Amino acid sequence: MAVTPPVRTRLYKIPEAAKTWNVPLDTLYKEIAAGRLKAKVRRGNIRGFMVTEAIMDDWIENSLVDASEAYEHLSPPPRRRGNG
């Protein structure tokens, strides 16, 4: 009988994560720089950020706000003046 290897957390490179979760690449890098997306990097490296599904799920969940809350921060559209 074949032995099933233990389940490991898959690591996604940032371009791969952008495609998988349909998020613009520059958005992910901006979120990493701002500290809102907790990416991982191999010890001793400064490039090659990676994320797990759990990291992405947490980031997505915490970056979403209720639509009514988002609209509260928008200013009302300017009124158009009619010709009559």
Protein backbone atom coordinates (compact mmCIF):
# COMPACT_ATOMS: atom_id res chain seq x y z
CA MET A 1 0.00 0.00 0.00
CA ALA A 2 1.33 3.45 -0.92
CA VAL A 3 2.02 5.87 1.88
CA THR A 4 0.44 9.29 1.44
CA PRO A 5 2.89 12.11 2.16
CA PRO A 6 1.88 14.60 4.85
CA VAL A 7 -0.16 17.57 3.71
CA ARG A 8 2.08 20.61 3.43
CA THR A 9 1.16 24.22 2.99
CA ARG A 10 1.67 25.23 -0.62
CA LEU A 11 3.71 28.38 -1.23
CA TYR A 12 2.73 30.69 -4.09
CA LYS A 13 5.13 33.18 -5.63
CA ILE A 14 3.53 36.62 -5.83
CA PRO A 15 2.92 36.56 -9.63
CA GLU A 16 1.33 33.12 -9.24
CA ALA A 17 -0.84 34.35 -6.35
CA ALA A 18 -1.94 37.36 -8.42
CA LYS A 19 -3.20 35.04 -11.16
CA THR A 20 -4.71 32.49 -8.77
CA TRP A 21 -6.68 35.05 -6.73
CA ASN A 22 -7.26 37.48 -9.64
CA VAL A 23 -5.58 40.40 -7.87
CA PRO A 24 -3.35 42.90 -9.70
CA LEU A 25 0.34 42.15 -9.16
CA ASP A 26 1.18 45.72 -8.14
CA THR A 27 -1.60 45.62 -5.52
CA LEU A 28 -0.01 42.61 -3.84
CA TYR A 29 3.43 44.24 -3.77
CA LYS A 30 1.95 47.49 -2.39
CA GLU A 31 0.11 45.55 0.32
CA ILE A 32 3.33 43.71 1.25
CA ALA A 33 5.23 47.02 1.45
CA ALA A 34 2.48 48.50 3.64
CA GLY A 35 2.60 45.47 5.95
CA ARG A 36 -1.01 44.45 5.31
CA LEU A 37 -0.12 41.28 3.37
CA LYS A 38 2.18 39.07 5.44
CA ALA A 39 4.35 37.49 2.76
CA LYS A 40 7.17 35.06 3.50
CA VAL A 41 10.70 34.99 2.09
CA ARG A 42 13.38 32.35 2.39
CA ARG A 43 15.90 33.03 5.15
CA GLY A 44 18.85 35.05 3.85
CA ASN A 45 16.95 36.41 0.83
CA ILE A 46 15.45 39.83 0.23
CA ARG A 47 13.55 38.89 -2.93
CA GLY A 48 11.18 36.11 -3.88
CA PHE A 49 8.17 36.80 -1.69
CA MET A 50 5.74 33.93 -1.23
CA VAL A 51 2.29 33.51 0.32
CA THR A 52 0.15 30.58 1.41
CA GLU A 53 -3.56 30.08 0.86
CA ALA A 54 -4.14 30.91 4.52
CA ILE A 55 -2.22 34.19 4.20
CA MET A 56 -4.22 35.16 1.10
CA ASP A 57 -7.54 34.16 2.68
CA ASP A 58 -6.73 36.22 5.78
CA TRP A 59 -5.69 39.23 3.67
CA ILE A 60 -8.83 39.04 1.53
CA GLU A 61 -11.08 38.71 4.57
CA ASN A 62 -9.42 41.63 6.37
CA SER A 63 -9.25 43.93 3.36
CA LEU A 64 -12.97 43.76 2.60
CA VAL A 65 -15.41 46.21 4.11
CA ASP A 66 -19.18 46.36 3.97
CA ALA A 67 -20.37 48.26 0.88
CA SER A 68 -22.38 50.73 2.99
CA GLU A 69 -19.23 51.52 4.99
CA ALA A 70 -17.31 52.18 1.78
CA TYR A 71 -19.99 54.55 0.50
CA GLU A 72 -19.97 56.54 3.75
CA HIS A 73 -16.46 57.74 2.93
CA LEU A 74 -17.36 58.94 -0.56
CA SER A 75 -18.42 62.51 -1.07
CA PRO A 76 -21.77 63.00 -2.81
CA PRO A 77 -21.56 63.59 -6.55
CA PRO A 78 -21.67 67.24 -7.64
CA ARG A 79 -25.09 68.50 -8.68
CA ARG A 80 -25.52 69.27 -12.33
CA ARG A 81 -27.00 72.59 -13.25
CA GLY A 82 -29.82 72.40 -15.70
CA ASN A 83 -30.45 74.77 -18.61
CA GLY A 84 -33.96 75.45 -17.67
